[in-house]
């Protein structure tokens, strides 16, 4: 579906998966520019155009999208947080539920991506294929939840999945060739997952580059029939 892809944007480009996605996209011959958005802004090079944004400040998201200006064929939201900024969490029991913790993770995992969508979806072209993809997680699937716990993270990712399903319904009316999906990247060796890797088989613990390659393969193969779905790194659909 992405044979016409020319301009891309990666929000969260300084993170593990985001940085790998940015590098791989910039190396592709069919990509004209990669807008790399991060809290620090970073430095642009080659096809990479750096922008600063703060996921918690809508004005910075709006300003970054205004700076991009041109149509985007691919938007990837590679932001996310499993624990609080102070390191607390995830919750193992309802006894650990805390309003502040929940608000913090919803702000990062759900509200931030929603605001990115608000300002990037108008940049998607209406006359050719385009993709909006947000990194989610298998644990955000309600039907696949058999262990419980991790309340704020699970529920914020489940909310993200529903949000993107809503976006897909709306996009179908105005952008008939566009696709909106959430993606499960697998268990990736990043600081986010490192404290929770015990027991993960070596063959199922991905480097950031391997995960990013899988995700781009999935994106390349998307069809409009898959819009609104949660899709794993191997292309398999994960039920909500």
C-alpha atoms as a PDB file:
ATOM      1  CA  UNK A   1       0.000   0.000   0.000  1.00  0.00           C
ATOM      2  CA  UNK A   2       2.908   2.336   0.669  1.00  0.00           C
ATOM      3  CA  UNK A   3       4.517   2.295  -2.815  1.00  0.00           C
ATOM      4  CA  UNK A   4       3.634   6.001  -3.192  1.00  0.00           C
ATOM      5  CA  UNK A   5       4.980   6.962   0.219  1.00  0.00           C
ATOM      6  CA  UNK A   6       7.163  10.052   0.042  1.00  0.00           C
ATOM      7  CA  UNK A   7       6.822  12.099   3.235  1.00  0.00           C
ATOM      8  CA  UNK A   8       6.749  10.618   6.726  1.00  0.00           C
ATOM      9  CA  UNK A   9       6.525  11.855  10.304  1.00  0.00           C
ATOM     10  CA  UNK A  10       7.664   9.971  13.394  1.00  0.00           C
ATOM     11  CA  UNK A  11       6.509  11.358  16.733  1.00  0.00           C
ATOM     12  CA  UNK A  12       8.770  10.121  19.519  1.00  0.00           C
ATOM     13  CA  UNK A  13      11.771   9.904  17.191  1.00  0.00           C
ATOM     14  CA  UNK A  14      14.322   9.973  20.021  1.00  0.00           C
ATOM     15  CA  UNK A  15      12.987   6.807  21.664  1.00  0.00           C
ATOM     16  CA  UNK A  16      14.254   3.329  20.913  1.00  0.00           C
ATOM     17  CA  UNK A  17      11.642   2.243  18.379  1.00  0.00           C
ATOM     18  CA  UNK A  18      11.092   5.780  17.089  1.00  0.00           C
ATOM     19  CA  UNK A  19      14.791   6.290  16.356  1.00  0.00           C
ATOM     20  CA  UNK A  20      14.994   2.943  14.563  1.00  0.00           C
ATOM     21  CA  UNK A  21      11.909   3.746  12.477  1.00  0.00           C
ATOM     22  CA  UNK A  22      13.345   7.132  11.554  1.00  0.00           C
ATOM     23  CA  UNK A  23      16.659   5.634  10.438  1.00  0.00           C
ATOM     24  CA  UNK A  24      15.043   2.873   8.392  1.00  0.00           C
ATOM     25  CA  UNK A  25      12.622   5.239   6.686  1.00  0.00           C
ATOM     26  CA  UNK A  26      15.402   7.688   5.851  1.00  0.00           C
ATOM     27  CA  UNK A  27      17.347   4.862   4.184  1.00  0.00           C
ATOM     28  CA  UNK A  28      14.490   3.986   1.832  1.00  0.00           C
ATOM     29  CA  UNK A  29      14.643   5.110  -1.769  1.00  0.00           C
ATOM     30  CA  UNK A  30      10.891   5.773  -1.907  1.00  0.00           C
ATOM     31  CA  UNK A  31      11.028   8.249   0.976  1.00  0.00           C
ATOM     32  CA  UNK A  32      11.606  11.906   0.259  1.00  0.00           C
ATOM     33  CA  UNK A  33      11.642  13.257   3.824  1.00  0.00           C
ATOM     34  CA  UNK A  34      11.260  12.008   7.386  1.00  0.00           C
ATOM     35  CA  UNK A  35      10.053  14.565   9.904  1.00  0.00           C
ATOM     36  CA  UNK A  36      11.509  13.416  13.233  1.00  0.00           C
ATOM     37  CA  UNK A  37       9.684  14.891  16.211  1.00  0.00           C
ATOM     38  CA  UNK A  38      10.982  14.648  19.760  1.00  0.00           C
ATOM     39  CA  UNK A  39      11.004  16.585  22.993  1.00  0.00           C
ATOM     40  CA  UNK A  40      14.621  17.640  22.487  1.00  0.00           C
ATOM     41  CA  UNK A  41      14.221  18.467  18.816  1.00  0.00           C
ATOM     42  CA  UNK A  42      17.563  16.931  17.916  1.00  0.00           C
ATOM     43  CA  UNK A  43      19.414  17.736  14.719  1.00  0.00           C
ATOM     44  CA  UNK A  44      18.340  17.030  11.170  1.00  0.00           C
ATOM     45  CA  UNK A  45      20.556  15.259   8.645  1.00  0.00           C
ATOM     46  CA  UNK A  46      20.044  14.042   5.116  1.00  0.00           C
ATOM     47  CA  UNK A  47      16.366  13.289   4.618  1.00  0.00           C
ATOM     48  CA  UNK A  48      15.638  13.750   8.329  1.00  0.00           C
ATOM     49  CA  UNK A  49      14.026  17.044   9.324  1.00  0.00           C
ATOM     50  CA  UNK A  50      14.045  17.552  13.094  1.00  0.00           C
ATOM     51  CA  UNK A  51      11.242  19.223  15.038  1.00  0.00           C
ATOM     52  CA  UNK A  52      10.673  19.822  18.736  1.00  0.00           C
ATOM     53  CA  UNK A  53       7.355  18.951  20.348  1.00  0.00           C
ATOM     54  CA  UNK A  54       6.003  18.200  23.796  1.00  0.00           C
ATOM     55  CA  UNK A  55       3.398  15.442  23.942  1.00  0.00           C
ATOM     56  CA  UNK A  56       1.713  17.186  26.876  1.00  0.00           C
ATOM     57  CA  UNK A  57       1.435  20.584  25.163  1.00  0.00           C
ATOM     58  CA  UNK A  58      -1.025  20.727  22.291  1.00  0.00           C
ATOM     59  CA  UNK A  59       0.330  24.094  21.169  1.00  0.00           C
ATOM     60  CA  UNK A  60       3.723  22.499  20.465  1.00  0.00           C
ATOM     61  CA  UNK A  61       2.088  19.678  18.482  1.00  0.00           C
ATOM     62  CA  UNK A  62       0.144  22.227  16.460  1.00  0.00           C
ATOM     63  CA  UNK A  63       3.243  24.334  15.828  1.00  0.00           C
ATOM     64  CA  UNK A  64       5.267  21.313  14.720  1.00  0.00           C
ATOM     65  CA  UNK A  65       2.552  20.254  12.279  1.00  0.00           C
ATOM     66  CA  UNK A  66       2.357  23.786  10.892  1.00  0.00           C
ATOM     67  CA  UNK A  67       6.124  23.648  10.370  1.00  0.00           C
ATOM     68  CA  UNK A  68       5.776  20.360   8.490  1.00  0.00           C
ATOM     69  CA  UNK A  69       3.103  21.913   6.326  1.00  0.00           C
ATOM     70  CA  UNK A  70       3.232  19.518   3.388  1.00  0.00           C
ATOM     71  CA  UNK A  71       1.061  16.411   2.977  1.00  0.00           C
ATOM     72  CA  UNK A  72       2.164  13.362   4.941  1.00  0.00           C
ATOM     73  CA  UNK A  73       1.839   9.860   3.535  1.00  0.00           C
ATOM     74  CA  UNK A  74       2.781   8.160   6.807  1.00  0.00           C
ATOM     75  CA  UNK A  75       2.409   9.278  10.418  1.00  0.00           C
ATOM     76  CA  UNK A  76       3.782   7.045  13.181  1.00  0.00           C
ATOM     77  CA  UNK A  77       3.175   7.815  16.845  1.00  0.00           C
ATOM     78  CA  UNK A  78       5.997   6.019  18.672  1.00  0.00           C
ATOM     79  CA  UNK A  79       5.444   7.579  22.090  1.00  0.00           C
ATOM     80  CA  UNK A  80       4.414   5.737  25.232  1.00  0.00           C
ATOM     81  CA  UNK A  81       5.092   5.107  28.893  1.00  0.00           C
ATOM     82  CA  UNK A  82       4.698   1.980  31.015  1.00  0.00           C
ATOM     83  CA  UNK A  83       5.535   3.471  34.427  1.00  0.00           C
ATOM     84  CA  UNK A  84       5.305   6.930  35.929  1.00  0.00           C
ATOM     85  CA  UNK A  85       8.055   9.444  35.235  1.00  0.00           C
ATOM     86  CA  UNK A  86       9.287   8.886  38.808  1.00  0.00           C
ATOM     87  CA  UNK A  87       9.612   5.145  38.111  1.00  0.00           C
ATOM     88  CA  UNK A  88       6.578   3.975  40.081  1.00  0.00           C
ATOM     89  CA  UNK A  89       4.428   1.188  38.674  1.00  0.00           C
ATOM     90  CA  UNK A  90       2.987  -0.659  36.949  1.00  0.00           C
ATOM     91  CA  UNK A  91       0.283  -1.602  39.447  1.00  0.00           C
ATOM     92  CA  UNK A  92       0.044  -5.258  40.401  1.00  0.00           C
ATOM     93  CA  UNK A  93      -3.242  -4.894  42.289  1.00  0.00           C
ATOM     94  CA  UNK A  94      -6.266  -2.615  42.542  1.00  0.00           C
ATOM     95  CA  UNK A  95      -4.850  -1.587  45.923  1.00  0.00           C
ATOM     96  CA  UNK A  96      -2.144   0.325  44.065  1.00  0.00           C
ATOM     97  CA  UNK A  97      -4.576   2.352  41.956  1.00  0.00           C
ATOM     98  CA  UNK A  98      -3.799   6.059  42.129  1.00  0.00           C
ATOM     99  CA  UNK A  99      -5.561   8.917  40.351  1.00  0.00           C
ATOM    100  CA  UNK A 100      -2.323  10.757  39.628  1.00  0.00           C
ATOM    101  CA  UNK A 101      -0.684   7.687  38.110  1.00  0.00           C
ATOM    102  CA  UNK A 102      -3.685   6.993  35.932  1.00  0.00           C
ATOM    103  CA  UNK A 103      -3.876  10.580  34.726  1.00  0.00           C
ATOM    104  CA  UNK A 104      -0.167  10.579  33.892  1.00  0.00           C
ATOM    105  CA  UNK A 105      -0.307   7.408  31.802  1.00  0.00           C
ATOM    106  CA  UNK A 106      -3.531   8.383  30.054  1.00  0.00           C
ATOM    107  CA  UNK A 107      -1.973  11.739  29.170  1.00  0.00           C
ATOM    108  CA  UNK A 108       1.019  10.014  27.554  1.00  0.00           C
ATOM    109  CA  UNK A 109      -0.570   6.885  26.074  1.00  0.00           C
ATOM    110  CA  UNK A 110      -3.992   8.147  24.999  1.00  0.00           C
ATOM    111  CA  UNK A 111      -4.477  11.915  25.079  1.00  0.00           C
ATOM    112  CA  UNK A 112      -1.123  12.784  23.507  1.00  0.00           C
ATOM    113  CA  UNK A 113      -1.660  10.486  20.494  1.00  0.00           C
ATOM    114  CA  UNK A 114      -5.217  11.819  20.178  1.00  0.00           C
ATOM    115  CA  UNK A 115      -3.912  15.369  19.882  1.00  0.00           C
ATOM    116  CA  UNK A 116      -1.275  14.282  17.377  1.00  0.00           C
ATOM    117  CA  UNK A 117      -4.075  12.757  15.318  1.00  0.00           C
ATOM    118  CA  UNK A 118      -6.073  15.973  15.549  1.00  0.00           C
ATOM    119  CA  UNK A 119      -3.254  17.916  13.920  1.00  0.00           C
ATOM    120  CA  UNK A 120      -1.811  15.320  11.516  1.00  0.00           C
ATOM    121  CA  UNK A 121      -4.917  13.750   9.987  1.00  0.00           C
ATOM    122  CA  UNK A 122      -5.676  16.978   8.068  1.00  0.00           C
ATOM    123  CA  UNK A 123      -2.213  16.571   6.476  1.00  0.00           C
ATOM    124  CA  UNK A 124      -3.029  13.156   4.989  1.00  0.00           C
ATOM    125  CA  UNK A 125      -3.754  13.283   1.250  1.00  0.00           C
ATOM    126  CA  UNK A 126      -7.278  12.461   0.104  1.00  0.00           C
ATOM    127  CA  UNK A 127      -6.341  11.199  -3.347  1.00  0.00           C
ATOM    128  CA  UNK A 128      -3.871   8.407  -2.533  1.00  0.00           C
ATOM    129  CA  UNK A 129      -3.032   5.840   0.164  1.00  0.00           C
ATOM    130  CA  UNK A 130      -1.880   7.142   3.554  1.00  0.00           C
ATOM    131  CA  UNK A 131      -1.325   5.605   6.981  1.00  0.00           C
ATOM    132  CA  UNK A 132      -1.705   6.812  10.556  1.00  0.00           C
ATOM    133  CA  UNK A 133      -0.159   4.258  12.925  1.00  0.00           C
ATOM    134  CA  UNK A 134       0.212   4.447  16.704  1.00  0.00           C
ATOM    135  CA  UNK A 135       2.338   2.068  18.751  1.00  0.00           C
ATOM    136  CA  UNK A 136       0.088   0.232  21.185  1.00  0.00           C
ATOM    137  CA  UNK A 137       0.544  -3.077  23.013  1.00  0.00           C
ATOM    138  CA  UNK A 138      -0.935  -6.557  23.143  1.00  0.00           C
ATOM    139  CA  UNK A 139      -1.765  -5.950  26.814  1.00  0.00           C
ATOM    140  CA  UNK A 140      -4.185  -3.266  25.631  1.00  0.00           C
ATOM    141  CA  UNK A 141      -6.445  -6.000  24.263  1.00  0.00           C
ATOM    142  CA  UNK A 142      -9.412  -6.578  26.582  1.00  0.00           C
ATOM    143  CA  UNK A 143     -10.211 -10.040  25.225  1.00  0.00           C
ATOM    144  CA  UNK A 144      -6.560 -11.139  25.462  1.00  0.00           C
ATOM    145  CA  UNK A 145      -6.197 -10.085  29.114  1.00  0.00           C
ATOM    146  CA  UNK A 146      -5.721 -13.164  31.270  1.00  0.00           C
ATOM    147  CA  UNK A 147      -3.219 -11.928  33.845  1.00  0.00           C
ATOM    148  CA  UNK A 148      -4.735  -8.649  35.069  1.00  0.00           C
ATOM    149  CA  UNK A 149      -2.646  -5.966  36.743  1.00  0.00           C
ATOM    150  CA  UNK A 150      -0.838  -3.092  35.045  1.00  0.00           C
ATOM    151  CA  UNK A 151      -4.121  -1.224  35.309  1.00  0.00           C
ATOM    152  CA  UNK A 152      -3.138   2.234  34.078  1.00  0.00           C
ATOM    153  CA  UNK A 153      -0.972   0.991  31.223  1.00  0.00           C
ATOM    154  CA  UNK A 154      -3.447  -1.636  30.014  1.00  0.00           C
ATOM    155  CA  UNK A 155      -6.449   0.652  30.162  1.00  0.00           C
ATOM    156  CA  UNK A 156      -4.681   3.612  28.542  1.00  0.00           C
ATOM    157  CA  UNK A 157      -3.570   1.408  25.647  1.00  0.00           C
ATOM    158  CA  UNK A 158      -7.077  -0.064  25.349  1.00  0.00           C
ATOM    159  CA  UNK A 159      -8.369   3.504  25.131  1.00  0.00           C
ATOM    160  CA  UNK A 160      -5.781   4.237  22.428  1.00  0.00           C
ATOM    161  CA  UNK A 161      -7.025   1.236  20.446  1.00  0.00           C
ATOM    162  CA  UNK A 162     -10.601   2.521  20.653  1.00  0.00           C
ATOM    163  CA  UNK A 163      -9.508   6.024  19.695  1.00  0.00           C
ATOM    164  CA  UNK A 164      -7.799   4.777  16.537  1.00  0.00           C
ATOM    165  CA  UNK A 165     -10.820   2.640  15.687  1.00  0.00           C
ATOM    166  CA  UNK A 166     -12.895   5.845  15.876  1.00  0.00           C
ATOM    167  CA  UNK A 167     -10.380   7.662  13.683  1.00  0.00           C
ATOM    168  CA  UNK A 168     -10.591   4.883  11.104  1.00  0.00           C
ATOM    169  CA  UNK A 169     -14.381   5.198  10.890  1.00  0.00           C
ATOM    170  CA  UNK A 170     -14.155   8.939  10.360  1.00  0.00           C
ATOM    171  CA  UNK A 171     -11.230   8.746   7.927  1.00  0.00           C
ATOM    172  CA  UNK A 172     -13.143   6.322   5.715  1.00  0.00           C
ATOM    173  CA  UNK A 173     -15.667   9.078   4.988  1.00  0.00           C
ATOM    174  CA  UNK A 174     -13.141  11.712   3.933  1.00  0.00           C
ATOM    175  CA  UNK A 175      -9.968   9.776   3.007  1.00  0.00           C
ATOM    176  CA  UNK A 176     -11.177   6.547   1.367  1.00  0.00           C
ATOM    177  CA  UNK A 177      -7.637   5.269   0.732  1.00  0.00           C
ATOM    178  CA  UNK A 178      -6.294   6.036   4.217  1.00  0.00           C
ATOM    179  CA  UNK A 179      -5.689   3.515   6.987  1.00  0.00           C
ATOM    180  CA  UNK A 180      -5.494   4.103  10.747  1.00  0.00           C
ATOM    181  CA  UNK A 181      -4.138   1.286  12.921  1.00  0.00           C
ATOM    182  CA  UNK A 182      -2.518   0.537  16.232  1.00  0.00           C
ATOM    183  CA  UNK A 183       0.558  -1.689  16.202  1.00  0.00           C
ATOM    184  CA  UNK A 184       2.021  -4.104  18.741  1.00  0.00           C
ATOM    185  CA  UNK A 185       5.835  -4.000  18.333  1.00  0.00           C
ATOM    186  CA  UNK A 186       6.583  -7.187  20.265  1.00  0.00           C
ATOM    187  CA  UNK A 187       8.787  -7.228  23.349  1.00  0.00           C
ATOM    188  CA  UNK A 188      11.559  -4.817  22.485  1.00  0.00           C
ATOM    189  CA  UNK A 189      14.823  -4.345  24.355  1.00  0.00           C
ATOM    190  CA  UNK A 190      14.335  -0.747  25.483  1.00  0.00           C
ATOM    191  CA  UNK A 191      14.514   0.978  28.871  1.00  0.00           C
ATOM    192  CA  UNK A 192      10.698   0.796  28.970  1.00  0.00           C
ATOM    193  CA  UNK A 193      10.637  -3.014  28.948  1.00  0.00           C
ATOM    194  CA  UNK A 194      14.008  -3.829  30.524  1.00  0.00           C
ATOM    195  CA  UNK A 195      12.704  -4.320  34.083  1.00  0.00           C
ATOM    196  CA  UNK A 196      10.105  -6.783  32.787  1.00  0.00           C
ATOM    197  CA  UNK A 197      12.140  -8.970  30.428  1.00  0.00           C
ATOM    198  CA  UNK A 198      12.737 -11.836  32.832  1.00  0.00           C
ATOM    199  CA  UNK A 199      11.297 -14.997  31.362  1.00  0.00           C
ATOM    200  CA  UNK A 200      11.119 -13.630  27.821  1.00  0.00           C
ATOM    201  CA  UNK A 201      12.779 -16.147  25.445  1.00  0.00           C
ATOM    202  CA  UNK A 202      15.779 -14.688  23.648  1.00  0.00           C
ATOM    203  CA  UNK A 203      14.172 -15.228  20.244  1.00  0.00           C
ATOM    204  CA  UNK A 204      11.158 -13.175  21.313  1.00  0.00           C
ATOM    205  CA  UNK A 205      13.140 -10.215  22.662  1.00  0.00           C
ATOM    206  CA  UNK A 206      13.628  -7.893  19.697  1.00  0.00           C
ATOM    207  CA  UNK A 207      16.227  -5.236  19.085  1.00  0.00           C
ATOM    208  CA  UNK A 208      14.723  -1.870  18.209  1.00  0.00           C
ATOM    209  CA  UNK A 209      15.849  -2.259  14.595  1.00  0.00           C
ATOM    210  CA  UNK A 210      14.254  -5.701  14.243  1.00  0.00           C
ATOM    211  CA  UNK A 211      10.980  -4.467  15.699  1.00  0.00           C
ATOM    212  CA  UNK A 212      11.024  -1.389  13.462  1.00  0.00           C
ATOM    213  CA  UNK A 213      11.640  -3.534  10.373  1.00  0.00           C
ATOM    214  CA  UNK A 214       8.702  -5.769  11.270  1.00  0.00           C
ATOM    215  CA  UNK A 215       6.450  -2.755  11.824  1.00  0.00           C
ATOM    216  CA  UNK A 216       7.379  -1.194   8.488  1.00  0.00           C
ATOM    217  CA  UNK A 217       6.728  -4.523   6.767  1.00  0.00           C
ATOM    218  CA  UNK A 218       3.251  -4.521   8.334  1.00  0.00           C
ATOM    219  CA  UNK A 219       2.643  -0.923   7.284  1.00  0.00           C
ATOM    220  CA  UNK A 220       3.744  -1.681   3.731  1.00  0.00           C
ATOM    221  CA  UNK A 221       1.189  -4.473   3.500  1.00  0.00           C
ATOM    222  CA  UNK A 222      -1.812  -2.684   4.996  1.00  0.00           C
ATOM    223  CA  UNK A 223      -5.141  -2.552   3.182  1.00  0.00           C
ATOM    224  CA  UNK A 224      -8.137  -0.359   3.885  1.00  0.00           C
ATOM    225  CA  UNK A 225      -9.959  -3.462   5.176  1.00  0.00           C
ATOM    226  CA  UNK A 226      -7.540  -3.460   8.126  1.00  0.00           C
ATOM    227  CA  UNK A 227      -8.203   0.133   9.126  1.00  0.00           C
ATOM    228  CA  UNK A 228      -9.155   0.435  12.789  1.00  0.00           C
ATOM    229  CA  UNK A 229      -7.453  -2.815  13.779  1.00  0.00           C
ATOM    230  CA  UNK A 230      -4.742  -3.652  16.329  1.00  0.00           C
ATOM    231  CA  UNK A 231      -2.043  -5.531  14.438  1.00  0.00           C
ATOM    232  CA  UNK A 232       1.009  -7.320  15.807  1.00  0.00           C
ATOM    233  CA  UNK A 233       4.561  -7.115  14.496  1.00  0.00           C
ATOM    234  CA  UNK A 234       4.039 -10.342  12.524  1.00  0.00           C
ATOM    235  CA  UNK A 235       0.938  -9.076  10.755  1.00  0.00           C
ATOM    236  CA  UNK A 236      -1.527 -10.999  12.894  1.00  0.00           C
ATOM    237  CA  UNK A 237      -4.616  -9.152  14.077  1.00  0.00           C
ATOM    238  CA  UNK A 238      -5.044  -8.914  17.844  1.00  0.00           C
ATOM    239  CA  UNK A 239      -8.714  -8.830  18.874  1.00  0.00           C
ATOM    240  CA  UNK A 240      -9.845  -5.936  21.022  1.00  0.00           C
END
